[in-house]
Amino acid sequence: MEDIRTVAMKIFNSYEDYYLDKEKRKIFEDLFDRYLTKVDTLGNMEIYDAVIKLAQQSRTDYEVMVKTLREQALLTE
């Protein structure tokens, strides 16, 4: 599997790239609400940092989130 830091940066960049697309942004935000809030309860972490923390604390949730983003074509290999 790709390095977690690389994937976290890809997620951050992809979210920024699709931010103006309301439908795609909603997919990201729904996933972030579901997974990243587990490690960032206050919602003040950067996406990059929260993704890394998620991977460290709950590898299964991290992998499901990444898989979902790839299935939605929001994250490249």
Protein backbone atom coordinates (compact mmCIF):
# COMPACT_ATOMS: atom_id res chain seq x y z
CA MET A 1 0.00 0.00 0.00
CA GLU A 2 1.09 3.51 -0.69
CA ASP A 3 2.76 5.46 2.05
CA ILE A 4 0.15 6.99 4.35
CA ARG A 5 1.67 10.46 4.03
CA THR A 6 1.43 10.30 0.24
CA VAL A 7 -2.20 9.18 0.37
CA ALA A 8 -3.03 11.87 2.94
CA MET A 9 -1.57 14.54 0.65
CA LYS A 10 -3.47 13.13 -2.33
CA ILE A 11 -6.72 13.27 -0.34
CA PHE A 12 -6.04 16.85 0.71
CA ASN A 13 -5.18 17.91 -2.85
CA SER A 14 -8.14 16.09 -4.36
CA TYR A 15 -10.52 17.72 -1.89
CA GLU A 16 -9.11 21.13 -2.81
CA ASP A 17 -9.38 20.33 -6.54
CA TYR A 18 -13.03 19.28 -6.27
CA TYR A 19 -14.08 21.84 -3.68
CA LEU A 20 -16.17 23.91 -6.12
CA ASP A 21 -18.07 20.83 -7.34
CA LYS A 22 -20.88 20.64 -4.78
CA GLU A 23 -21.69 16.96 -5.39
CA LYS A 24 -18.09 15.79 -5.09
CA ARG A 25 -17.41 18.08 -2.15
CA LYS A 26 -20.39 16.50 -0.37
CA ILE A 27 -18.92 13.03 -0.87
CA PHE A 28 -15.67 14.18 0.73
CA GLU A 29 -17.41 15.95 3.58
CA ASP A 30 -19.64 12.97 4.32
CA LEU A 31 -16.60 10.70 4.49
CA PHE A 32 -14.69 13.22 6.61
CA ASP A 33 -17.65 13.49 8.97
CA ARG A 34 -17.85 9.73 9.23
CA TYR A 35 -14.17 8.93 9.64
CA LEU A 36 -12.05 11.96 10.47
CA THR A 37 -14.26 13.09 13.34
CA LYS A 38 -13.21 9.90 15.12
CA VAL A 39 -9.71 11.34 15.48
CA ASP A 40 -10.51 15.06 15.32
CA THR A 41 -13.51 15.56 17.57
CA LEU A 42 -13.08 19.35 17.63
CA GLY A 43 -12.76 19.61 13.86
CA ASN A 44 -9.71 21.84 13.97
CA MET A 45 -7.06 19.58 12.39
CA GLU A 46 -5.93 19.89 8.81
CA ILE A 47 -7.25 17.10 6.58
CA TYR A 48 -3.72 15.82 5.99
CA ASP A 49 -3.01 15.48 9.71
CA ALA A 50 -6.39 13.92 10.46
CA VAL A 51 -5.94 11.29 7.73
CA ILE A 52 -2.54 10.32 9.12
CA LYS A 53 -3.94 10.11 12.64
CA LEU A 54 -6.86 8.00 11.40
CA ALA A 55 -4.45 5.58 9.73
CA GLN A 56 -2.49 5.28 12.96
CA GLN A 57 -5.52 4.79 15.22
CA SER A 58 -7.92 2.89 12.98
CA ARG A 59 -6.32 1.32 9.96
CA THR A 60 -9.59 -0.34 8.91
CA ASP A 61 -11.50 2.97 8.81
CA TYR A 62 -8.62 4.59 6.92
CA GLU A 63 -8.62 1.83 4.31
CA VAL A 64 -12.40 1.98 3.87
CA MET A 65 -12.27 5.76 3.40
CA VAL A 66 -9.47 5.50 0.83
CA LYS A 67 -11.26 2.66 -0.99
CA THR A 68 -14.47 4.70 -1.14
CA LEU A 69 -12.65 7.74 -2.52
CA ARG A 70 -11.04 5.56 -5.20
CA GLU A 71 -14.36 3.94 -6.10
CA GLN A 72 -15.86 7.41 -6.52
CA ALA A 73 -12.89 8.35 -8.77
CA LEU A 74 -11.93 11.12 -6.34
CA LEU A 75 -8.51 9.71 -5.56
CA THR A 76 -5.98 8.46 -8.07
CA GLU A 77 -3.80 5.43 -7.61
